[in-house]
Amino acid sequence: MFPNRCPVCGEVIGAQDRFCTDCHEKLTPYSGETLIAGSSRFIAAFEYDGNVSPAVMLLKNGVCGNAAYALGGELADILVKSGMSQNIDVIVPVPLHRSDRMKRGFDQTELIAREVSRITGIPVSCAAEKIRLTLPQKRLGREERMRNLAGAFSVPEPALIRGKRVLLLDDVCTTGSTLAELAEVLINAGVAEVFCAACCKTPDNIDQKT
């Protein structure tokens, strides 16, 4: 009933398109090498910059639009092309605290994960929960972020993921502290192996968090 729009500029695009041609050409593919503690491998679709940030902020601000479809689809393509998707049994999105989810109206990483699942065929399991509210990561340094996240996540039903190879998925990765904390929680819950992915990764020399 409503036209599909580019999540960056808002222009009307085709029903199956993710971005308009002009915006997509400005996006920078992620080409770095990021190590996440507890994870066998990290992968991302784009470098986080001013060209892709409008799509991310739509989700952060509680406006889904085409953003989850576009970002999730691009990440799924990278997972397939890299061969990582062949080593994954289940996708676990980084969870929001229930109060944040109620405020936003949805969990953006879950929406992205379900789009990745649609393309790759890998099932999604919301096995992880955020059980404690934390301070916004963007206000904190690297060490403060690690302390801020300590004990913030749990896996209420470990049997859902025990023995499985898990893809831990986030929308934006900066220092990797959130992914590292959750990777440890998943390993303690009995998963066989953890891989990590994000739609966007900030440049290694920039310490910011959206």
N, C-alpha and C. Protein backbone atom coordinates (compact mmCIF):
# COMPACT_ATOMS: atom_id res chain seq x y z
N MET A 1 0.83 -1.20 0.00
CA MET A 1 0.00 0.00 0.00
C MET A 1 0.87 1.26 0.00
N PHE A 2 2.11 1.16 0.51
CA PHE A 2 2.98 2.32 0.57
C PHE A 2 4.20 2.06 -0.30
N PRO A 3 4.73 3.08 -0.95
CA PRO A 3 5.91 2.88 -1.80
C PRO A 3 7.14 2.54 -0.99
N ASN A 4 8.02 1.75 -1.58
CA ASN A 4 9.29 1.41 -0.95
C ASN A 4 10.23 2.60 -1.11
N ARG A 5 10.94 2.96 -0.05
CA ARG A 5 11.82 4.12 -0.10
C ARG A 5 13.24 3.75 0.32
N CYS A 6 14.19 4.45 -0.26
CA CYS A 6 15.59 4.28 0.12
C CYS A 6 15.73 4.70 1.58
N PRO A 7 16.31 3.85 2.46
CA PRO A 7 16.42 4.19 3.88
C PRO A 7 17.46 5.26 4.17
N VAL A 8 18.22 5.68 3.17
CA VAL A 8 19.21 6.73 3.35
C VAL A 8 18.64 8.10 2.98
N CYS A 9 18.09 8.22 1.75
CA CYS A 9 17.63 9.53 1.27
C CYS A 9 16.12 9.68 1.23
N GLY A 10 15.39 8.56 1.31
CA GLY A 10 13.93 8.63 1.31
C GLY A 10 13.30 8.62 -0.06
N GLU A 11 14.09 8.51 -1.11
CA GLU A 11 13.54 8.48 -2.46
C GLU A 11 12.78 7.18 -2.71
N VAL A 12 11.71 7.24 -3.51
CA VAL A 12 10.95 6.05 -3.86
C VAL A 12 11.82 5.14 -4.73
N ILE A 13 11.86 3.85 -4.39
CA ILE A 13 12.65 2.87 -5.14
C ILE A 13 11.77 1.68 -5.49
N GLY A 14 12.32 0.74 -6.25
CA GLY A 14 11.57 -0.44 -6.63
C GLY A 14 11.18 -1.30 -5.45
N ALA A 15 10.15 -2.11 -5.62
CA ALA A 15 9.62 -2.92 -4.53
C ALA A 15 10.65 -3.87 -3.96
N GLN A 16 11.60 -4.35 -4.77
CA GLN A 16 12.61 -5.30 -4.31
C GLN A 16 13.97 -4.64 -4.06
N ASP A 17 14.05 -3.32 -4.27
CA ASP A 17 15.32 -2.62 -4.09
C ASP A 17 15.60 -2.37 -2.61
N ARG A 18 16.88 -2.24 -2.30
CA ARG A 18 17.29 -1.95 -0.92
C ARG A 18 17.63 -0.48 -0.72
N PHE A 19 18.40 0.06 -1.65
CA PHE A 19 18.79 1.47 -1.64
C PHE A 19 18.58 2.03 -3.05
N CYS A 20 18.52 3.34 -3.17
CA CYS A 20 18.56 3.91 -4.50
C CYS A 20 19.98 3.77 -5.04
N THR A 21 20.14 3.85 -6.34
CA THR A 21 21.45 3.64 -6.96
C THR A 21 22.49 4.63 -6.45
N ASP A 22 22.13 5.90 -6.35
CA ASP A 22 23.09 6.92 -5.91
C ASP A 22 23.59 6.66 -4.49
N CYS A 23 22.67 6.34 -3.58
CA CYS A 23 23.07 6.10 -2.19
C CYS A 23 23.90 4.83 -2.05
N HIS A 24 23.52 3.79 -2.78
CA HIS A 24 24.25 2.53 -2.68
C HIS A 24 25.69 2.69 -3.16
N GLU A 25 25.89 3.50 -4.18
CA GLU A 25 27.24 3.72 -4.70
C GLU A 25 28.13 4.47 -3.72
N LYS A 26 27.53 5.20 -2.79
CA LYS A 26 28.30 5.95 -1.80
C LYS A 26 28.66 5.13 -0.57
N LEU A 27 28.04 3.96 -0.40
CA LEU A 27 28.31 3.14 0.77
C LEU A 27 29.68 2.47 0.63
N THR A 28 30.41 2.42 1.73
CA THR A 28 31.76 1.86 1.74
C THR A 28 31.73 0.44 2.29
N PRO A 29 32.05 -0.57 1.48
CA PRO A 29 32.09 -1.94 1.98
C PRO A 29 33.14 -2.08 3.09
N TYR A 30 32.83 -2.84 4.10
CA TYR A 30 33.79 -3.05 5.19
C TYR A 30 34.89 -3.99 4.73
N SER A 31 36.14 -3.57 4.92
CA SER A 31 37.27 -4.37 4.47
C SER A 31 38.31 -4.59 5.56
N GLY A 32 37.97 -4.23 6.79
CA GLY A 32 38.92 -4.37 7.89
C GLY A 32 38.96 -5.78 8.44
N GLU A 33 39.78 -5.95 9.47
CA GLU A 33 39.89 -7.23 10.18
C GLU A 33 39.72 -6.97 11.66
N THR A 34 38.59 -7.34 12.18
CA THR A 34 38.28 -7.11 13.59
C THR A 34 38.26 -8.44 14.34
N LEU A 35 38.93 -8.46 15.48
CA LEU A 35 38.94 -9.65 16.33
C LEU A 35 38.00 -9.42 17.51
N ILE A 36 37.08 -10.33 17.70
CA ILE A 36 36.14 -10.29 18.82
C ILE A 36 36.47 -11.44 19.75
N ALA A 37 36.74 -11.13 21.02
CA ALA A 37 37.06 -12.17 21.99
C ALA A 37 35.96 -13.21 22.05
N GLY A 38 36.33 -14.48 21.96
CA GLY A 38 35.36 -15.57 22.02
C GLY A 38 34.75 -15.93 20.69
N SER A 39 35.05 -15.15 19.64
CA SER A 39 34.47 -15.38 18.33
C SER A 39 35.51 -15.90 17.35
N SER A 40 35.11 -16.83 16.50
CA SER A 40 36.02 -17.37 15.50
C SER A 40 36.26 -16.41 14.35
N ARG A 41 35.28 -15.55 14.07
CA ARG A 41 35.40 -14.65 12.93
C ARG A 41 34.37 -13.53 13.04
N PHE A 42 34.73 -12.36 12.52
CA PHE A 42 33.81 -11.23 12.47
C PHE A 42 33.70 -10.77 11.02
N ILE A 43 32.48 -10.37 10.65
CA ILE A 43 32.24 -9.87 9.30
C ILE A 43 31.22 -8.74 9.37
N ALA A 44 31.33 -7.79 8.44
CA ALA A 44 30.37 -6.67 8.38
C ALA A 44 30.12 -6.31 6.93
N ALA A 45 28.99 -5.67 6.70
CA ALA A 45 28.65 -5.28 5.33
C ALA A 45 29.27 -3.95 4.95
N PHE A 46 29.12 -2.93 5.84
CA PHE A 46 29.57 -1.59 5.51
C PHE A 46 30.42 -0.99 6.61
N GLU A 47 31.27 -0.04 6.20
CA GLU A 47 31.94 0.81 7.17
C GLU A 47 30.94 1.86 7.62
N TYR A 48 30.86 2.06 8.94
CA TYR A 48 29.89 3.02 9.45
C TYR A 48 30.40 4.44 9.22
N ASP A 49 29.65 5.23 8.44
CA ASP A 49 30.00 6.62 8.18
C ASP A 49 28.72 7.40 7.90
N GLY A 50 28.89 8.64 7.49
CA GLY A 50 27.74 9.50 7.26
C GLY A 50 26.85 9.08 6.11
N ASN A 51 27.37 8.22 5.24
CA ASN A 51 26.57 7.78 4.10
C ASN A 51 25.55 6.72 4.48
N VAL A 52 25.88 5.87 5.43
CA VAL A 52 24.97 4.79 5.83
C VAL A 52 24.23 5.11 7.13
N SER A 53 24.71 6.10 7.88
CA SER A 53 24.11 6.37 9.20
C SER A 53 22.62 6.71 9.16
N PRO A 54 22.08 7.39 8.11
CA PRO A 54 20.63 7.64 8.12
C PRO A 54 19.80 6.37 8.19
N ALA A 55 20.25 5.30 7.52
CA ALA A 55 19.51 4.03 7.55
C ALA A 55 19.55 3.43 8.95
N VAL A 56 20.72 3.50 9.60
CA VAL A 56 20.86 2.97 10.95
C VAL A 56 20.00 3.77 11.93
N MET A 57 20.00 5.07 11.78
CA MET A 57 19.27 5.92 12.72
C MET A 57 17.77 5.76 12.58
N LEU A 58 17.27 5.38 11.40
CA LEU A 58 15.84 5.08 11.28
C LEU A 58 15.45 4.00 12.28
N LEU A 59 16.29 2.96 12.37
CA LEU A 59 16.00 1.86 13.29
C LEU A 59 16.19 2.29 14.74
N LYS A 60 17.25 3.03 15.00
CA LYS A 60 17.53 3.47 16.37
C LYS A 60 16.42 4.38 16.90
N ASN A 61 15.81 5.12 15.99
CA ASN A 61 14.77 6.07 16.39
C ASN A 61 13.37 5.49 16.34
N GLY A 62 13.28 4.18 16.11
CA GLY A 62 11.98 3.52 16.14
C GLY A 62 11.19 3.63 14.86
N VAL A 63 11.87 3.92 13.74
CA VAL A 63 11.22 3.97 12.44
C VAL A 63 11.83 2.89 11.57
N CYS A 64 11.09 1.83 11.32
CA CYS A 64 11.67 0.70 10.59
C CYS A 64 11.83 1.00 9.11
N GLY A 65 10.71 1.31 8.44
CA GLY A 65 10.78 1.59 7.01
C GLY A 65 11.42 0.44 6.25
N ASN A 66 12.34 0.78 5.36
CA ASN A 66 13.02 -0.21 4.54
C ASN A 66 14.40 -0.57 5.11
N ALA A 67 14.77 0.00 6.25
CA ALA A 67 16.14 -0.12 6.75
C ALA A 67 16.53 -1.55 7.11
N ALA A 68 15.68 -2.26 7.83
CA ALA A 68 16.02 -3.63 8.23
C ALA A 68 16.13 -4.54 7.01
N TYR A 69 15.25 -4.34 6.04
CA TYR A 69 15.28 -5.11 4.79
C TYR A 69 16.57 -4.84 4.04
N ALA A 70 16.95 -3.56 3.93
CA ALA A 70 18.14 -3.18 3.17
C ALA A 70 19.42 -3.64 3.85
N LEU A 71 19.57 -3.32 5.13
CA LEU A 71 20.79 -3.68 5.84
C LEU A 71 20.92 -5.19 6.02
N GLY A 72 19.80 -5.84 6.36
CA GLY A 72 19.83 -7.29 6.52
C GLY A 72 20.14 -8.01 5.23
N GLY A 73 19.59 -7.52 4.13
CA GLY A 73 19.86 -8.14 2.84
C GLY A 73 21.30 -8.02 2.43
N GLU A 74 21.89 -6.84 2.65
CA GLU A 74 23.30 -6.65 2.30
C GLU A 74 24.20 -7.54 3.15
N LEU A 75 23.89 -7.65 4.44
CA LEU A 75 24.69 -8.50 5.31
C LEU A 75 24.56 -9.96 4.92
N ALA A 76 23.36 -10.38 4.57
CA ALA A 76 23.15 -11.76 4.14
C ALA A 76 23.99 -12.08 2.91
N ASP A 77 24.04 -11.15 1.97
CA ASP A 77 24.84 -11.37 0.77
C ASP A 77 26.31 -11.59 1.11
N ILE A 78 26.83 -10.80 2.06
CA ILE A 78 28.23 -10.92 2.47
C ILE A 78 28.47 -12.26 3.15
N LEU A 79 27.53 -12.67 3.99
CA LEU A 79 27.67 -13.96 4.69
C LEU A 79 27.73 -15.11 3.70
N VAL A 80 26.90 -15.06 2.69
CA VAL A 80 26.89 -16.12 1.68
C VAL A 80 28.16 -16.07 0.83
N LYS A 81 28.53 -14.89 0.37
CA LYS A 81 29.70 -14.74 -0.48
C LYS A 81 30.98 -15.16 0.22
N SER A 82 31.08 -14.88 1.51
CA SER A 82 32.28 -15.20 2.28
C SER A 82 32.36 -16.68 2.64
N GLY A 83 31.24 -17.37 2.54
CA GLY A 83 31.18 -18.77 2.94
C GLY A 83 30.87 -19.00 4.40
N MET A 84 30.78 -17.92 5.19
CA MET A 84 30.52 -18.07 6.62
C MET A 84 29.17 -18.70 6.89
N SER A 85 28.19 -18.41 6.05
CA SER A 85 26.84 -18.92 6.28
C SER A 85 26.80 -20.45 6.32
N GLN A 86 27.75 -21.11 5.67
CA GLN A 86 27.78 -22.57 5.63
C GLN A 86 28.19 -23.17 6.98
N ASN A 87 28.77 -22.34 7.85
CA ASN A 87 29.27 -22.83 9.14
C ASN A 87 28.37 -22.46 10.30
N ILE A 88 27.16 -21.97 10.02
CA ILE A 88 26.29 -21.45 11.06
C ILE A 88 25.01 -22.27 11.16
N ASP A 89 24.63 -22.61 12.39
CA ASP A 89 23.40 -23.36 12.63
C ASP A 89 22.23 -22.45 13.00
N VAL A 90 22.52 -21.35 13.67
CA VAL A 90 21.44 -20.50 14.17
C VAL A 90 21.95 -19.07 14.34
N ILE A 91 21.06 -18.10 14.11
CA ILE A 91 21.37 -16.68 14.29
C ILE A 91 20.79 -16.21 15.61
N VAL A 92 21.61 -15.55 16.43
CA VAL A 92 21.15 -14.96 17.69
C VAL A 92 21.37 -13.46 17.63
N PRO A 93 20.31 -12.66 17.55
CA PRO A 93 20.47 -11.20 17.52
C PRO A 93 20.83 -10.65 18.90
N VAL A 94 21.65 -9.61 18.92
CA VAL A 94 21.95 -8.92 20.18
C VAL A 94 20.65 -8.31 20.69
N PRO A 95 20.22 -8.64 21.91
CA PRO A 95 18.89 -8.21 22.37
C PRO A 95 18.88 -6.82 23.00
N LEU A 96 17.74 -6.18 22.91
CA LEU A 96 17.47 -4.97 23.67
C LEU A 96 16.89 -5.35 25.03
N HIS A 97 17.05 -4.48 26.02
CA HIS A 97 16.32 -4.64 27.26
C HIS A 97 14.84 -4.43 26.98
N ARG A 98 13.98 -5.13 27.71
CA ARG A 98 12.54 -5.09 27.42
C ARG A 98 11.99 -3.67 27.48
N SER A 99 12.52 -2.82 28.34
CA SER A 99 12.01 -1.43 28.42
C SER A 99 12.39 -0.64 27.17
N ASP A 100 13.60 -0.89 26.65
CA ASP A 100 14.01 -0.21 25.43
C ASP A 100 13.21 -0.71 24.23
N ARG A 101 12.91 -2.01 24.23
CA ARG A 101 12.11 -2.56 23.14
C ARG A 101 10.69 -1.97 23.16
N MET A 102 10.12 -1.84 24.32
CA MET A 102 8.78 -1.26 24.42
C MET A 102 8.78 0.20 23.96
N LYS A 103 9.84 0.93 24.28
CA LYS A 103 9.94 2.33 23.89
C LYS A 103 10.08 2.47 22.37
N ARG A 104 10.90 1.60 21.77
CA ARG A 104 11.14 1.67 20.33
C ARG A 104 10.02 1.03 19.53
N GLY A 105 9.42 0.00 20.09
CA GLY A 105 8.34 -0.70 19.39
C GLY A 105 8.80 -1.96 18.69
N PHE A 106 10.09 -2.17 18.59
CA PHE A 106 10.66 -3.37 17.98
C PHE A 106 12.13 -3.47 18.37
N ASP A 107 12.71 -4.62 18.14
CA ASP A 107 14.15 -4.82 18.33
C ASP A 107 14.78 -4.83 16.95
N GLN A 108 15.56 -3.83 16.64
CA GLN A 108 16.09 -3.68 15.28
C GLN A 108 17.01 -4.83 14.87
N THR A 109 17.78 -5.37 15.80
CA THR A 109 18.67 -6.47 15.43
C THR A 109 17.88 -7.74 15.13
N GLU A 110 16.75 -7.91 15.80
CA GLU A 110 15.91 -9.07 15.50
C GLU A 110 15.31 -8.95 14.09
N LEU A 111 14.88 -7.74 13.71
CA LEU A 111 14.34 -7.54 12.37
C LEU A 111 15.42 -7.81 11.31
N ILE A 112 16.62 -7.34 11.56
CA ILE A 112 17.73 -7.58 10.63
C ILE A 112 18.03 -9.07 10.56
N ALA A 113 18.05 -9.73 11.72
CA ALA A 113 18.34 -11.17 11.76
C ALA A 113 17.31 -11.96 10.96
N ARG A 114 16.06 -11.56 11.02
CA ARG A 114 15.01 -12.30 10.31
C ARG A 114 15.13 -12.10 8.80
N GLU A 115 15.63 -10.96 8.38
CA GLU A 115 15.88 -10.75 6.95
C GLU A 115 17.07 -11.60 6.49
N VAL A 116 18.11 -11.65 7.32
CA VAL A 116 19.25 -12.52 7.01
C VAL A 116 18.80 -13.97 6.94
N SER A 117 17.93 -14.36 7.85
CA SER A 117 17.39 -15.72 7.87
C SER A 117 16.59 -16.02 6.61
N ARG A 118 15.80 -15.06 6.17
CA ARG A 118 14.98 -15.26 4.97
C ARG A 118 15.83 -15.57 3.75
N ILE A 119 16.97 -14.92 3.65
CA ILE A 119 17.84 -15.09 2.49
C ILE A 119 18.73 -16.32 2.61
N THR A 120 19.27 -16.56 3.79
CA THR A 120 20.24 -17.65 3.97
C THR A 120 19.60 -18.97 4.36
N GLY A 121 18.38 -18.91 4.92
CA GLY A 121 17.74 -20.13 5.39
C GLY A 121 18.18 -20.55 6.78
N ILE A 122 19.02 -19.76 7.43
CA ILE A 122 19.48 -20.07 8.79
C ILE A 122 18.43 -19.58 9.79
N PRO A 123 17.96 -20.44 10.68
CA PRO A 123 16.92 -20.01 11.63
C PRO A 123 17.43 -19.00 12.64
N VAL A 124 16.48 -18.22 13.18
CA VAL A 124 16.77 -17.23 14.22
C VAL A 124 16.31 -17.77 15.57
N SER A 125 17.14 -17.58 16.58
CA SER A 125 16.75 -17.92 17.95
C SER A 125 17.04 -16.72 18.85
N CYS A 126 15.99 -16.19 19.47
CA CYS A 126 16.17 -15.08 20.41
C CYS A 126 16.50 -15.67 21.79
N ALA A 127 17.59 -16.45 21.82
CA ALA A 127 17.96 -17.19 23.02
C ALA A 127 18.58 -16.30 24.08
N ALA A 128 19.19 -15.19 23.66
CA ALA A 128 19.82 -14.29 24.61
C ALA A 128 18.86 -13.19 25.04
N GLU A 129 18.97 -12.79 26.29
CA GLU A 129 18.15 -11.71 26.82
C GLU A 129 19.05 -10.68 27.50
N LYS A 130 18.63 -9.43 27.42
CA LYS A 130 19.32 -8.39 28.18
C LYS A 130 18.54 -8.18 29.46
N ILE A 131 19.16 -8.50 30.58
CA ILE A 131 18.46 -8.54 31.86
C ILE A 131 18.72 -7.32 32.73
N ARG A 132 19.63 -6.47 32.28
CA ARG A 132 19.96 -5.29 33.07
C ARG A 132 20.14 -4.09 32.14
N LEU A 133 19.51 -2.97 32.50
CA LEU A 133 19.70 -1.74 31.74
C LEU A 133 21.14 -1.26 31.90
N THR A 134 21.70 -0.75 30.82
CA THR A 134 23.08 -0.26 30.85
C THR A 134 23.12 1.19 30.38
N LEU A 135 24.22 1.85 30.67
CA LEU A 135 24.41 3.21 30.18
C LEU A 135 24.65 3.18 28.67
N PRO A 136 24.33 4.24 27.96
CA PRO A 136 24.62 4.28 26.52
C PRO A 136 26.11 4.09 26.28
N GLN A 137 26.46 3.17 25.41
CA GLN A 137 27.87 2.85 25.16
C GLN A 137 28.63 4.03 24.58
N LYS A 138 27.97 4.90 23.81
CA LYS A 138 28.67 5.99 23.14
C LYS A 138 29.27 6.98 24.12
N ARG A 139 28.84 6.96 25.37
CA ARG A 139 29.37 7.90 26.36
C ARG A 139 30.61 7.35 27.07
N LEU A 140 30.96 6.11 26.79
CA LEU A 140 31.98 5.43 27.56
C LEU A 140 33.22 5.08 26.74
N GLY A 141 34.35 4.98 27.44
CA GLY A 141 35.57 4.49 26.82
C GLY A 141 35.56 2.98 26.75
N ARG A 142 36.61 2.41 26.16
CA ARG A 142 36.66 0.97 25.94
C ARG A 142 36.53 0.17 27.24
N GLU A 143 37.32 0.52 28.25
CA GLU A 143 37.27 -0.22 29.51
C GLU A 143 35.94 -0.01 30.23
N GLU A 144 35.43 1.20 30.16
CA GLU A 144 34.14 1.48 30.80
C GLU A 144 33.01 0.70 30.14
N ARG A 145 33.09 0.49 28.82
CA ARG A 145 32.07 -0.27 28.12
C ARG A 145 32.04 -1.72 28.60
N MET A 146 33.21 -2.28 28.81
CA MET A 146 33.28 -3.66 29.28
C MET A 146 32.65 -3.80 30.66
N ARG A 147 32.95 -2.85 31.54
CA ARG A 147 32.37 -2.90 32.89
C ARG A 147 30.86 -2.65 32.82
N ASN A 148 30.44 -1.77 31.94
CA ASN A 148 29.03 -1.44 31.80
C ASN A 148 28.19 -2.65 31.39
N LEU A 149 28.78 -3.53 30.57
CA LEU A 149 28.04 -4.68 30.03
C LEU A 149 28.15 -5.94 30.89
N ALA A 150 29.04 -5.93 31.85
CA ALA A 150 29.25 -7.14 32.67
C ALA A 150 27.94 -7.56 33.35
N GLY A 151 27.53 -8.80 33.12
CA GLY A 151 26.32 -9.33 33.74
C GLY A 151 25.03 -8.81 33.15
N ALA A 152 25.10 -8.15 31.98
CA ALA A 152 23.88 -7.55 31.40
C ALA A 152 23.06 -8.55 30.59
N PHE A 153 23.67 -9.69 30.21
CA PHE A 153 22.98 -10.63 29.33
C PHE A 153 22.88 -12.01 29.97
N SER A 154 21.88 -12.76 29.53
CA SER A 154 21.73 -14.14 30.01
C SER A 154 21.11 -15.00 28.90
N VAL A 155 21.18 -16.31 29.09
CA VAL A 155 20.53 -17.26 28.19
C VAL A 155 19.59 -18.11 29.04
N PRO A 156 18.31 -17.74 29.11
CA PRO A 156 17.36 -18.43 30.00
C PRO A 156 17.17 -19.91 29.69
N GLU A 157 17.23 -20.27 28.39
CA GLU A 157 17.03 -21.65 27.99
C GLU A 157 18.21 -22.14 27.16
N PRO A 158 19.30 -22.55 27.81
CA PRO A 158 20.51 -22.95 27.09
C PRO A 158 20.28 -24.09 26.10
N ALA A 159 19.29 -24.92 26.35
CA ALA A 159 19.05 -26.06 25.47
C ALA A 159 18.73 -25.62 24.04
N LEU A 160 18.25 -24.39 23.86
CA LEU A 160 17.91 -23.90 22.52
C LEU A 160 19.13 -23.77 21.62
N ILE A 161 20.29 -23.54 22.22
CA ILE A 161 21.49 -23.29 21.41
C ILE A 161 22.67 -24.18 21.79
N ARG A 162 22.50 -25.05 22.77
CA ARG A 162 23.61 -25.89 23.21
C ARG A 162 24.13 -26.76 22.06
N GLY A 163 25.44 -26.73 21.86
CA GLY A 163 26.07 -27.54 20.83
C GLY A 163 25.98 -26.97 19.43
N LYS A 164 25.39 -25.79 19.28
CA LYS A 164 25.20 -25.21 17.95
C LYS A 164 26.30 -24.19 17.63
N ARG A 165 26.49 -23.98 16.34
CA ARG A 165 27.39 -22.93 15.85
C ARG A 165 26.53 -21.69 15.63
N VAL A 166 26.83 -20.63 16.39
CA VAL A 166 25.95 -19.47 16.48
C VAL A 166 26.55 -18.26 15.77
N LEU A 167 25.70 -17.55 15.02
CA LEU A 167 26.06 -16.24 14.49
C LEU A 167 25.44 -15.20 15.39
N LEU A 168 26.27 -14.44 16.07
CA LEU A 168 25.82 -13.36 16.93
C LEU A 168 25.77 -12.09 16.09
N LEU A 169 24.59 -11.48 15.99
CA LEU A 169 24.38 -10.40 15.03
C LEU A 169 24.01 -9.10 15.72
N ASP A 170 24.67 -8.01 15.28
CA ASP A 170 24.36 -6.66 15.79
C ASP A 170 24.18 -5.72 14.62
N ASP A 171 23.60 -4.56 14.87
CA ASP A 171 23.44 -3.58 13.80
C ASP A 171 24.74 -2.82 13.54
N VAL A 172 25.35 -2.29 14.61
CA VAL A 172 26.60 -1.55 14.49
C VAL A 172 27.60 -2.06 15.52
N CYS A 173 28.84 -2.25 15.09
CA CYS A 173 29.92 -2.67 15.99
C CYS A 173 30.95 -1.56 16.04
N THR A 174 31.37 -1.20 17.25
CA THR A 174 32.41 -0.18 17.41
C THR A 174 33.67 -0.84 17.96
N THR A 175 33.74 -1.03 19.26
CA THR A 175 34.89 -1.70 19.86
C THR A 175 34.73 -3.21 19.90
N GLY A 176 33.50 -3.69 19.76
CA GLY A 176 33.24 -5.12 19.86
C GLY A 176 32.96 -5.59 21.27
N SER A 177 32.84 -4.65 22.22
CA SER A 177 32.64 -5.04 23.62
C SER A 177 31.30 -5.74 23.85
N THR A 178 30.25 -5.29 23.17
CA THR A 178 28.94 -5.94 23.32
C THR A 178 28.99 -7.36 22.78
N LEU A 179 29.56 -7.53 21.60
CA LEU A 179 29.65 -8.86 21.00
C LEU A 179 30.53 -9.78 21.84
N ALA A 180 31.63 -9.26 22.38
CA ALA A 180 32.52 -10.08 23.20
C ALA A 180 31.84 -10.55 24.48
N GLU A 181 31.09 -9.65 25.12
CA GLU A 181 30.37 -10.01 26.35
C GLU A 181 29.34 -11.09 26.06
N LEU A 182 28.59 -10.91 24.98
CA LEU A 182 27.56 -11.90 24.64
C LEU A 182 28.17 -13.21 24.18
N ALA A 183 29.30 -13.15 23.48
CA ALA A 183 29.97 -14.37 23.05
C ALA A 183 30.36 -15.21 24.26
N GLU A 184 30.86 -14.57 25.30
CA GLU A 184 31.23 -15.30 26.51
C GLU A 184 30.01 -15.94 27.17
N VAL A 185 28.89 -15.19 27.19
CA VAL A 185 27.66 -15.73 27.77
C VAL A 185 27.19 -16.96 26.99
N LEU A 186 27.25 -16.88 25.66
CA LEU A 186 26.81 -17.99 24.81
C LEU A 186 27.72 -19.21 24.99
N ILE A 187 29.02 -18.98 25.06
CA ILE A 187 29.95 -20.08 25.25
C ILE A 187 29.69 -20.76 26.60
N ASN A 188 29.46 -19.96 27.63
CA ASN A 188 29.15 -20.53 28.94
C ASN A 188 27.83 -21.30 28.93
N ALA A 189 26.94 -20.96 27.98
CA ALA A 189 25.67 -21.66 27.85
C ALA A 189 25.80 -22.94 27.04
N GLY A 190 27.00 -23.19 26.49
CA GLY A 190 27.24 -24.47 25.84
C GLY A 190 27.24 -24.47 24.33
N VAL A 191 27.30 -23.29 23.67
CA VAL A 191 27.35 -23.30 22.21
C VAL A 191 28.69 -23.87 21.76
N ALA A 192 28.69 -24.45 20.56
CA ALA A 192 29.91 -25.08 20.04
C ALA A 192 30.90 -24.05 19.52
N GLU A 193 30.40 -23.00 18.87
CA GLU A 193 31.26 -21.99 18.27
C GLU A 193 30.46 -20.72 18.04
N VAL A 194 31.13 -19.58 18.17
CA VAL A 194 30.48 -18.29 17.96
C VAL A 194 31.15 -17.55 16.80
N PHE A 195 30.34 -17.08 15.87
CA PHE A 195 30.76 -16.15 14.83
C PHE A 195 30.03 -14.84 15.09
N CYS A 196 30.60 -13.73 14.66
CA CYS A 196 29.97 -12.43 14.88
C CYS A 196 29.82 -11.67 13.57
N ALA A 197 28.75 -10.89 13.47
CA ALA A 197 28.50 -10.08 12.28
C ALA A 197 27.76 -8.82 12.68
N ALA A 198 27.97 -7.77 11.89
CA ALA A 198 27.25 -6.51 12.08
C ALA A 198 26.98 -5.91 10.71
N CYS A 199 25.91 -5.18 10.61
CA CYS A 199 25.63 -4.49 9.35
C CYS A 199 26.70 -3.45 9.08
N CYS A 200 27.17 -2.77 10.13
CA CYS A 200 28.16 -1.72 9.98
C CYS A 200 29.23 -1.82 11.06
N LYS A 201 30.44 -1.48 10.69
CA LYS A 201 31.57 -1.43 11.64
C LYS A 201 32.22 -0.06 11.53
N THR A 202 32.38 0.60 12.67
CA THR A 202 33.05 1.91 12.65
C THR A 202 34.51 1.72 12.27
N PRO A 203 35.10 2.73 11.63
CA PRO A 203 36.54 2.64 11.33
C PRO A 203 37.34 2.40 12.59
N ASP A 204 38.41 1.66 12.46
CA ASP A 204 39.19 1.27 13.63
C ASP A 204 39.76 2.45 14.41
N ASN A 205 39.95 3.59 13.76
CA ASN A 205 40.53 4.73 14.44
C ASN A 205 39.48 5.70 14.99
N ILE A 206 38.22 5.26 14.92
CA ILE A 206 37.15 6.12 15.45
C ILE A 206 36.41 5.37 16.55
N ASP A 207 36.31 5.97 17.72
CA ASP A 207 35.64 5.33 18.85
C ASP A 207 34.29 6.01 19.05
N GLN A 208 33.29 5.51 18.37
CA GLN A 208 31.95 6.08 18.48
C GLN A 208 30.94 4.95 18.49
N LYS A 209 29.76 5.24 18.99
CA LYS A 209 28.69 4.23 19.04
C LYS A 209 27.37 4.91 18.76
N THR A 210 26.62 4.37 17.81
CA THR A 210 25.31 4.94 17.53
C THR A 210 24.27 4.29 18.41
